[in-house]
Structure formats: C-alpha cells, structure tokens
Amino acid sequence: MPAPERIPTGRLSGLPAEPAGQAAPLPGPVAPQDPPPAAPEPAGARTQALLADGELTVRGRIPEASNAVLFCTVARDGETASCVYKPVAGERPLWDFPDGTLAQREVAAYEVARYCGWDLVPPTVLRDGPYGTGMVQEWIEPPENSDEVPELLALVEDEEPGPGWKAVGSAQIGEGRTALLVHADHPRLRRLAVLDAVINNGDRKGGHLLPGAGGEFFAIDHGVTFHAEDKLRTLLWGWAGEPLTDEALEVLRGLQRALEDTGTLAARLAELITDDEIAALRERVAGLLRGGRHPEPGGEWPAIPWPPV
C-alpha cells in the first residue's frame, strides 16, 4: 500500500447433603462470593470498539486508490490507533454491484471472517466520519524487519512449483518469455482462499495481502464481494479441486448453522447486504460442504483479477 500524503511517520449450586441420622440444619446467611471471572474478550473487540466510538481525525489521503481512502487516527479515553476511513461519498459506482455500498460489503466480509474465528481481516466497522458514513478499518503497520515479511507470491521460470508452493498459472514476463505464477502453500493463505469462496470475492489481488508483525499477514479491500452471481476472481487457485481441510469443513458447518438462524450474524448481515446476496451466501456455503473441495474456475468469468498484483 503506498504511503499516505502529508504523514511524517507510520503506515498506512444446592444444600449440603444431610448427614446420616441427623436433621439437616437450616441454611445460614449466604456468604459473599467473588464475581465469576470475566469471559475472554473476543479477538479484535477492543480495537473494534475504539474504531466505532473514538474521535476520528483525518491525517492524509492515499492517492493511488481508485476510491477515496483516507489515513486517520482514532482516539478515545487516552487510547489511540491508526486506521483507514473509506467514506461512501468517495465511492465510484459499479454497474455490476448496483445494491448497497463498498463500505457495507467490507464490513460484511469482516463479520463473516470474525465469525469463522479467522483473524484474516483487520477489525472493520461502519460509522459516521468527517465525510459522512464510511468504512473504518484498523491500519496494518508493516514490520520494521524485512525478514519478517512472508513471501506469498512469486514468479518462477520452472514448469512445476517447488516444495511449499502451489501453481496458479502461466504469466507473460516479456520478450516472449513466460513464467509460472505461484503462491505459498501456507495454512493462513488456504483459510483465506476458503473465505474468498464464501464471500464470493471478485478481486483478490496480491496487493490486498498486507504483512504484519511476527510473519503474519492480513487481507484487505473486500468491497467487491457477496454478489448473488459467481464472481470469484483470485490469485489463490493453487488448491483448486483439492479436498477442504477438516478445520475448514468444521468452520463451514458452524457458519451454515449461523446463517440458517436469525441470530446475531444473520441479523448483522441483513443490515449490510441484500436478501438475495444472503441467500446466495447460504448456497455457496452449502455447496462447499456438499462438494467438500476448494472451488475451481468456472470459465464464464475471468478467474484472475486484473491487474493481478
């Protein structure tokens, strides 16, 4: 992601048992008890609350984005964080996504990823800001040490990918030469491939994978998702046709139950995407469970986004 303008630093129980032969004594006063331990806070909940309720201040604009993307800080009760703010007013209309907004679909993608228990998408909220309603998302600071940046995509001049890599397809590299585009055979990347199939991501580019601290990475830019028609375009085709992992199948079964219920996830998605898109989401999850395999390119829609990176 390019550095934002005008920013000097940073990136973007029962009674006791009666003794034998004795009458049970009357219970005495209830002794005060310590409160039960608090449930662990869900991953990202603290950051999500800060993003939703903190004071949002615009610090600069990321100029190369196709829609308005503003670098901001958000502050509340002495806590501060950097974030990205994408106001709906700065979105360019898309002819094939006439309903809703990019901001709503970005938040819907985060809600699905969070329910799956996969911290693949930075905490994301929909809120009011200096330029109206928009998506606000945690800013992912890149690691200071380049050795911590995971290598996820590569071009190799071989016919087959090496160990630890999965082939995507051939790419022209100039002067009549071709190379093999590969991505890492990484468990976190494989979870992302499943998530993209679930949310029907039409634009999974290499540039949408941001390195974080400790060798982790996060996925951003989910505005072109949840279409009722098949729009899956991605660089993560390396597992196409392969069986889904046991973990993925368990997550999908839980997601299927949640989407069939009228509970929190289904209710939240109903605020963000259309009924037709929710019905298509249910069918995609059901289809993945029936087939038990990663999807393959359908042939009716370009399989890889352009530009790919």
Protein backbone atom coordinates (compact mmCIF):
# COMPACT_ATOMS: atom_id res chain seq x y z
CA MET A 1 0.00 0.00 0.00
CA PRO A 2 1.52 3.42 -0.91
CA ALA A 3 2.46 5.79 1.87
CA PRO A 4 -0.22 8.39 2.59
CA GLU A 5 0.33 12.03 1.74
CA ARG A 6 1.36 14.56 4.38
CA ILE A 7 2.08 11.96 7.03
CA PRO A 8 5.53 12.18 8.61
CA THR A 9 5.64 8.66 10.09
CA GLY A 10 3.81 5.30 10.09
CA ARG A 11 1.91 3.23 7.53
CA LEU A 12 -0.78 3.43 6.29
CA SER A 13 -25.19 -24.65 43.49
CA GLY A 14 -27.62 -26.97 46.31
CA LEU A 15 -27.83 -27.55 50.01
CA PRO A 16 -25.19 -29.76 51.65
CA ALA A 17 -26.01 -33.48 51.87
CA GLU A 18 -27.83 -34.46 55.10
CA PRO A 19 -25.53 -36.43 57.48
CA ALA A 20 -26.85 -39.93 58.31
CA GLY A 21 -29.25 -39.96 61.31
CA GLN A 22 -29.26 -36.16 61.70
CA ALA A 23 -31.67 -33.50 60.62
CA ALA A 24 -30.27 -31.16 58.09
CA PRO A 25 -29.52 -27.74 59.59
CA LEU A 26 -31.23 -24.70 58.17
CA PRO A 27 -29.04 -22.88 55.76
CA GLY A 28 -27.32 -19.85 57.18
CA PRO A 29 -26.74 -16.48 55.53
CA VAL A 30 -25.25 -16.61 52.09
CA ALA A 31 -21.61 -15.68 52.24
CA PRO A 32 -20.45 -13.05 49.77
CA GLN A 33 -18.79 -14.59 46.76
CA ASP A 34 -16.30 -13.28 44.30
CA PRO A 35 -17.80 -12.44 40.93
CA PRO A 36 -17.20 -15.04 38.21
CA PRO A 37 -14.18 -14.38 36.06
CA ALA A 38 -14.90 -12.28 33.03
CA ALA A 39 -15.16 -14.08 29.72
CA PRO A 40 -12.13 -13.53 27.50
CA GLU A 41 -12.57 -10.59 25.18
CA PRO A 42 -13.03 -11.68 21.56
CA ALA A 43 -10.05 -11.06 19.31
CA GLY A 44 -10.24 -7.56 17.90
CA ALA A 45 -13.19 -6.49 20.12
CA ARG A 46 -11.21 -3.74 21.88
CA THR A 47 -9.92 -2.35 18.61
CA GLN A 48 -13.37 -2.62 17.04
CA ALA A 49 -14.91 -0.59 19.89
CA LEU A 50 -12.22 2.07 19.52
CA LEU A 51 -12.80 2.28 15.77
CA ALA A 52 -16.57 2.57 16.27
CA ASP A 53 -16.67 5.13 19.10
CA GLY A 54 -13.41 7.05 19.01
CA GLU A 55 -12.89 10.52 17.63
CA LEU A 56 -11.84 10.19 14.01
CA THR A 57 -9.28 12.63 12.64
CA VAL A 58 -8.16 12.63 9.01
CA ARG A 59 -4.40 12.87 8.61
CA GLY A 60 -3.93 12.35 4.88
CA ARG A 61 -5.11 10.67 1.69
CA ILE A 62 -3.79 7.56 -0.04
CA PRO A 63 -3.61 8.91 -3.57
CA GLU A 64 -3.32 5.79 -5.75
CA ALA A 65 -6.55 4.13 -4.56
CA SER A 66 -9.40 4.00 -7.08
CA ASN A 67 -11.85 5.29 -4.44
CA ALA A 68 -11.36 7.79 -1.63
CA VAL A 69 -9.14 6.21 1.05
CA LEU A 70 -8.16 8.40 3.98
CA PHE A 71 -5.49 7.72 6.58
CA CYS A 72 -6.78 8.66 10.04
CA THR A 73 -6.22 8.37 13.74
CA VAL A 74 -8.98 7.41 16.17
CA ALA A 75 -8.83 8.27 19.87
CA ARG A 76 -10.92 7.50 22.97
CA ASP A 77 -10.13 7.66 26.70
CA GLY A 78 -6.43 8.12 26.08
CA GLU A 79 -6.18 5.24 23.61
CA THR A 80 -5.18 5.98 20.03
CA ALA A 81 -4.86 3.91 16.87
CA SER A 82 -4.23 4.45 13.19
CA CYS A 83 -6.93 3.46 10.74
CA VAL A 84 -8.24 3.72 7.19
CA TYR A 85 -11.51 5.54 6.50
CA LYS A 86 -13.34 4.99 3.20
CA PRO A 87 -16.35 7.31 3.01
CA VAL A 88 -19.29 6.15 0.91
CA ALA A 89 -19.32 9.61 -0.68
CA GLY A 90 -15.94 8.80 -2.25
CA GLU A 91 -17.00 5.52 -3.91
CA ARG A 92 -17.22 5.17 -7.68
CA PRO A 93 -20.46 3.42 -8.74
CA LEU A 94 -20.07 -0.13 -10.12
CA TRP A 95 -22.50 -1.24 -12.81
CA ASP A 96 -22.43 -4.88 -11.66
CA PHE A 97 -22.82 -4.02 -7.95
CA PRO A 98 -25.83 -1.70 -8.02
CA ASP A 99 -27.05 -2.51 -4.49
CA GLY A 100 -25.51 -1.33 -1.25
CA THR A 101 -22.05 0.16 -0.93
CA LEU A 102 -18.43 -0.96 -0.96
CA ALA A 103 -18.23 0.06 2.69
CA GLN A 104 -21.12 -2.22 3.69
CA ARG A 105 -19.60 -5.20 1.90
CA GLU A 106 -16.21 -4.56 3.50
CA VAL A 107 -17.85 -4.71 6.94
CA ALA A 108 -19.87 -7.82 5.96
CA ALA A 109 -16.63 -9.57 4.94
CA TYR A 110 -15.10 -8.76 8.32
CA GLU A 111 -18.21 -10.03 10.16
CA VAL A 112 -18.05 -13.38 8.33
CA ALA A 113 -14.30 -13.75 8.85
CA ARG A 114 -14.67 -12.91 12.55
CA TYR A 115 -17.48 -15.45 12.99
CA CYS A 116 -15.28 -18.09 11.38
CA GLY A 117 -12.63 -17.37 14.01
CA TRP A 118 -10.09 -16.43 11.37
CA ASP A 119 -8.36 -13.12 12.12
CA LEU A 120 -7.64 -12.61 8.45
CA VAL A 121 -9.37 -9.24 8.05
CA PRO A 122 -8.43 -6.28 10.24
CA PRO A 123 -11.20 -5.06 12.58
CA THR A 124 -13.68 -3.12 10.45
CA VAL A 125 -16.74 -1.02 11.33
CA LEU A 126 -19.35 1.14 9.60
CA ARG A 127 -19.68 4.56 11.18
CA ASP A 128 -20.09 8.25 10.62
CA GLY A 129 -16.98 10.31 9.95
CA PRO A 130 -15.85 13.74 8.80
CA TYR A 131 -17.07 13.00 5.24
CA GLY A 132 -20.18 11.02 6.18
CA THR A 133 -20.84 7.32 6.63
CA GLY A 134 -17.97 5.06 5.71
CA MET A 135 -15.90 2.02 6.49
CA VAL A 136 -13.22 2.37 9.16
CA GLN A 137 -10.58 -0.34 9.42
CA GLU A 138 -7.52 -0.87 11.56
CA TRP A 139 -4.30 0.21 9.86
CA ILE A 140 -1.79 -2.63 9.50
CA GLU A 141 1.69 -1.41 10.28
CA PRO A 142 4.34 -3.29 8.28
CA PRO A 143 7.15 -4.99 10.18
CA GLU A 144 10.31 -2.97 10.58
CA ASN A 145 12.42 -6.04 9.81
CA SER A 146 12.05 -7.13 6.19
CA ASP A 147 12.95 -10.68 7.22
CA GLU A 148 9.53 -10.88 8.92
CA VAL A 149 7.66 -10.22 5.66
CA PRO A 150 6.25 -13.55 4.44
CA GLU A 151 6.85 -14.45 0.81
CA LEU A 152 3.39 -15.30 -0.51
CA LEU A 153 3.59 -14.82 -4.29
CA ALA A 154 6.36 -15.41 -6.80
CA LEU A 155 7.16 -15.92 -10.47
CA VAL A 156 9.41 -18.90 -11.23
CA GLU A 157 10.87 -19.98 -14.56
CA ASP A 158 10.04 -23.66 -13.99
CA GLU A 159 7.24 -25.89 -15.21
CA GLU A 160 6.27 -27.00 -11.70
CA PRO A 161 6.20 -25.16 -8.38
CA GLY A 162 8.84 -26.08 -5.86
CA PRO A 163 8.19 -27.52 -2.40
CA GLY A 164 5.97 -25.27 -0.30
CA TRP A 165 4.40 -23.58 -3.33
CA LYS A 166 1.19 -24.00 -5.37
CA ALA A 167 0.82 -23.15 -9.05
CA VAL A 168 -1.70 -20.54 -10.21
CA GLY A 169 -0.91 -20.34 -13.93
CA SER A 170 1.47 -19.02 -16.57
CA ALA A 171 2.29 -15.35 -16.92
CA GLN A 172 3.96 -13.38 -19.71
CA ILE A 173 7.11 -11.68 -18.49
CA GLY A 174 8.20 -10.00 -21.71
CA GLU A 175 10.18 -10.85 -24.84
CA GLY A 176 8.08 -13.93 -25.47
CA ARG A 177 9.05 -15.46 -22.16
CA THR A 178 6.62 -16.98 -19.69
CA ALA A 179 6.92 -17.79 -16.02
CA LEU A 180 4.87 -19.76 -13.56
CA LEU A 181 2.88 -17.70 -11.07
CA VAL A 182 2.88 -19.47 -7.70
CA HIS A 183 1.64 -18.75 -4.20
CA ALA A 184 2.80 -20.14 -0.86
CA ASP A 185 1.25 -23.35 0.45
CA HIS A 186 0.51 -21.53 3.69
CA PRO A 187 -2.31 -22.57 6.10
CA ARG A 188 -3.36 -18.97 6.69
CA LEU A 189 -3.46 -18.34 2.94
CA ARG A 190 -5.53 -21.50 2.49
CA ARG A 191 -8.07 -20.23 5.04
CA LEU A 192 -8.25 -17.03 3.05
CA ALA A 193 -8.96 -18.99 -0.14
CA VAL A 194 -11.94 -20.59 1.65
CA LEU A 195 -13.12 -17.23 2.97
CA ASP A 196 -12.92 -15.71 -0.50
CA ALA A 197 -15.02 -18.56 -1.90
CA VAL A 198 -17.59 -17.99 0.84
CA ILE A 199 -17.89 -14.24 0.32
CA ASN A 200 -17.52 -14.53 -3.46
CA ASN A 201 -14.57 -12.17 -3.67
CA GLY A 202 -14.28 -10.72 -7.16
CA ASP A 203 -10.93 -9.03 -6.62
CA ARG A 204 -8.33 -10.97 -4.60
CA LYS A 205 -5.10 -9.37 -5.75
CA GLY A 206 -1.62 -9.79 -4.39
CA GLY A 207 -1.57 -6.17 -3.26
CA HIS A 208 -4.50 -6.88 -0.95
CA LEU A 209 -2.28 -9.01 1.31
CA LEU A 210 -0.56 -6.85 3.90
CA PRO A 211 2.34 -8.14 6.03
CA GLY A 212 2.00 -7.66 9.77
CA ALA A 213 4.24 -8.25 12.73
CA GLY A 214 5.60 -11.70 13.50
CA GLY A 215 5.33 -13.02 9.95
CA GLU A 216 1.53 -12.73 9.83
CA PHE A 217 -0.44 -11.11 7.01
CA PHE A 218 -3.91 -9.64 6.67
CA ALA A 219 -6.35 -9.31 3.79
CA ILE A 220 -7.98 -6.00 2.85
CA ASP A 221 -10.19 -4.48 0.14
CA HIS A 222 -13.41 -6.53 0.26
CA GLY A 223 -15.76 -4.08 -1.45
CA VAL A 224 -16.37 -6.34 -4.46
CA THR A 225 -17.89 -9.29 -2.62
CA PHE A 226 -21.19 -11.09 -1.85
CA HIS A 227 -22.63 -10.81 -5.37
CA ALA A 228 -25.53 -13.21 -5.94
CA GLU A 229 -23.82 -14.42 -9.15
CA ASP A 230 -20.49 -16.24 -9.26
CA LYS A 231 -17.78 -13.57 -9.41
CA LEU A 232 -14.83 -15.33 -7.76
CA ARG A 233 -11.58 -13.90 -9.10
CA THR A 234 -8.43 -14.63 -7.16
CA LEU A 235 -4.75 -15.44 -7.25
CA LEU A 236 -5.34 -18.25 -4.74
CA TRP A 237 -6.29 -21.06 -7.14
CA GLY A 238 -3.43 -23.34 -6.03
CA TRP A 239 -5.78 -25.62 -4.03
CA ALA A 240 -8.49 -25.73 -6.72
CA GLY A 241 -10.23 -29.12 -6.67
CA GLU A 242 -8.37 -30.30 -3.58
CA PRO A 243 -10.29 -31.54 -0.51
CA LEU A 244 -11.09 -28.91 2.08
CA THR A 245 -9.27 -29.31 5.37
CA ASP A 246 -11.09 -30.74 8.39
CA GLU A 247 -10.77 -27.34 10.01
CA ALA A 248 -12.42 -25.60 7.08
CA LEU A 249 -15.29 -28.11 7.00
CA GLU A 250 -15.92 -27.61 10.72
CA VAL A 251 -15.92 -23.84 10.30
CA LEU A 252 -18.27 -24.05 7.31
CA ARG A 253 -20.72 -26.23 9.24
CA GLY A 254 -20.82 -23.67 12.03
CA LEU A 255 -21.25 -20.86 9.53
CA GLN A 256 -24.10 -22.73 7.84
CA ARG A 257 -25.94 -23.07 11.17
CA ALA A 258 -25.43 -19.38 11.91
CA LEU A 259 -26.80 -18.31 8.52
CA GLU A 260 -29.88 -20.52 8.90
CA ASP A 261 -30.60 -18.99 12.30
CA THR A 262 -31.92 -15.49 12.91
CA GLY A 263 -29.23 -14.78 15.47
CA THR A 264 -26.50 -12.20 15.61
CA LEU A 265 -24.57 -12.95 12.40
CA ALA A 266 -27.63 -13.29 10.16
CA ALA A 267 -29.18 -10.16 11.65
CA ARG A 268 -25.96 -8.20 11.18
CA LEU A 269 -25.55 -9.26 7.58
CA ALA A 270 -29.17 -8.27 6.88
CA GLU A 271 -28.13 -4.70 7.73
CA LEU A 272 -25.27 -4.78 5.24
CA ILE A 273 -26.19 -6.84 2.14
CA THR A 274 -29.41 -7.75 0.32
CA ASP A 275 -31.70 -10.74 0.90
CA ASP A 276 -30.65 -12.19 -2.47
CA GLU A 277 -26.99 -11.87 -1.54
CA ILE A 278 -27.60 -13.59 1.82
CA ALA A 279 -29.47 -16.42 0.05
CA ALA A 280 -26.54 -16.80 -2.36
CA LEU A 281 -24.12 -16.79 0.58
CA ARG A 282 -26.05 -19.65 2.20
CA GLU A 283 -25.97 -21.60 -1.06
CA ARG A 284 -22.22 -21.10 -1.51
CA VAL A 285 -21.57 -22.44 2.00
CA ALA A 286 -23.91 -25.39 1.38
CA GLY A 287 -22.18 -26.06 -1.96
CA LEU A 288 -18.73 -26.10 -0.42
CA LEU A 289 -19.96 -28.58 2.21
CA ARG A 290 -21.62 -30.81 -0.40
CA GLY A 291 -18.55 -30.92 -2.59
CA GLY A 292 -16.01 -30.93 0.21
CA ARG A 293 -13.42 -29.35 -2.09
CA HIS A 294 -11.94 -26.00 -2.95
CA PRO A 295 -13.78 -24.45 -5.92
CA GLU A 296 -12.33 -24.47 -9.42
CA PRO A 297 -12.55 -21.71 -12.03
CA GLY A 298 -15.91 -21.82 -13.80
CA GLY A 299 -14.82 -20.49 -17.19
CA GLU A 300 -17.66 -17.97 -17.52
CA TRP A 301 -15.83 -15.24 -15.64
CA PRO A 302 -12.13 -14.26 -15.67
CA ALA A 303 -10.53 -16.37 -12.97
CA ILE A 304 -7.72 -13.95 -12.12
CA PRO A 305 -8.23 -10.23 -11.40
CA TRP A 306 -6.51 -7.58 -13.45
CA PRO A 307 -4.02 -6.35 -12.66
CA PRO A 308 -3.16 -9.43 -10.58
CA VAL A 309 -0.99 -7.52 -8.10
